Amino acid sequence: MTIAFVDPAVVPYLSTFLLVFATVFGLLTIANIGSNKEKGTPGIGKKVNAMIALAVALFSLTYEPLVVNLNTYIPYVVILLLALFLIVFVKKIFEGKEGKGHDTLPIVAAIAMLLIVMTVVGDRFAALAPEGTNPETLMWIAGIVFVILFFAAIYKHSSK
């Protein structure tokens, strides 16, 4: 006997809601709408961002083709969004504040851990590679990027 926590008929709507909400909220938070660095005014805030993301996510549930198509391509969309947010995250970590140094040791440790995880479970991502590409080549490229980030963070940390 199986106990279902979520009705299978609701899963496409739930996954669409969560993906649209997380994407819109993340983009609004990164964009920091309403802020003015020259005047020093803050953005509209996370509560307003959450309300806007909630409204967009609820409206997206009413459009049936979006729900169907998004659930078809959801693994690829999630991988793309994770890559984009990782790029923004790394960019923000390496920026630093004006006049203040920051510790890059945590990012060095995180990159080292990601490199270790990639070597352990990298072969499982071979099925996600686009057709006609060599998964081993993609893993080499990812490894080289991680190593470059690793050494850049070490260099930045040691130049303080």
Foldseek 3Di string as FASTA:
>chain_A
DDDDPDDPVCVLLVVQLVVQLVVQLVVCVLVQDPADVVVGRGGPDSVVSNVVSNVVSVVQSVDVVSSVVCVVCVVVVVVVVVVVVVVVVLVVVVPDDPPDDDALVVVLVVLVVVLVVCVVCVVVCQVVDPPPDGSVVVSVVVNVVSVVSNVVSVVSNVVD
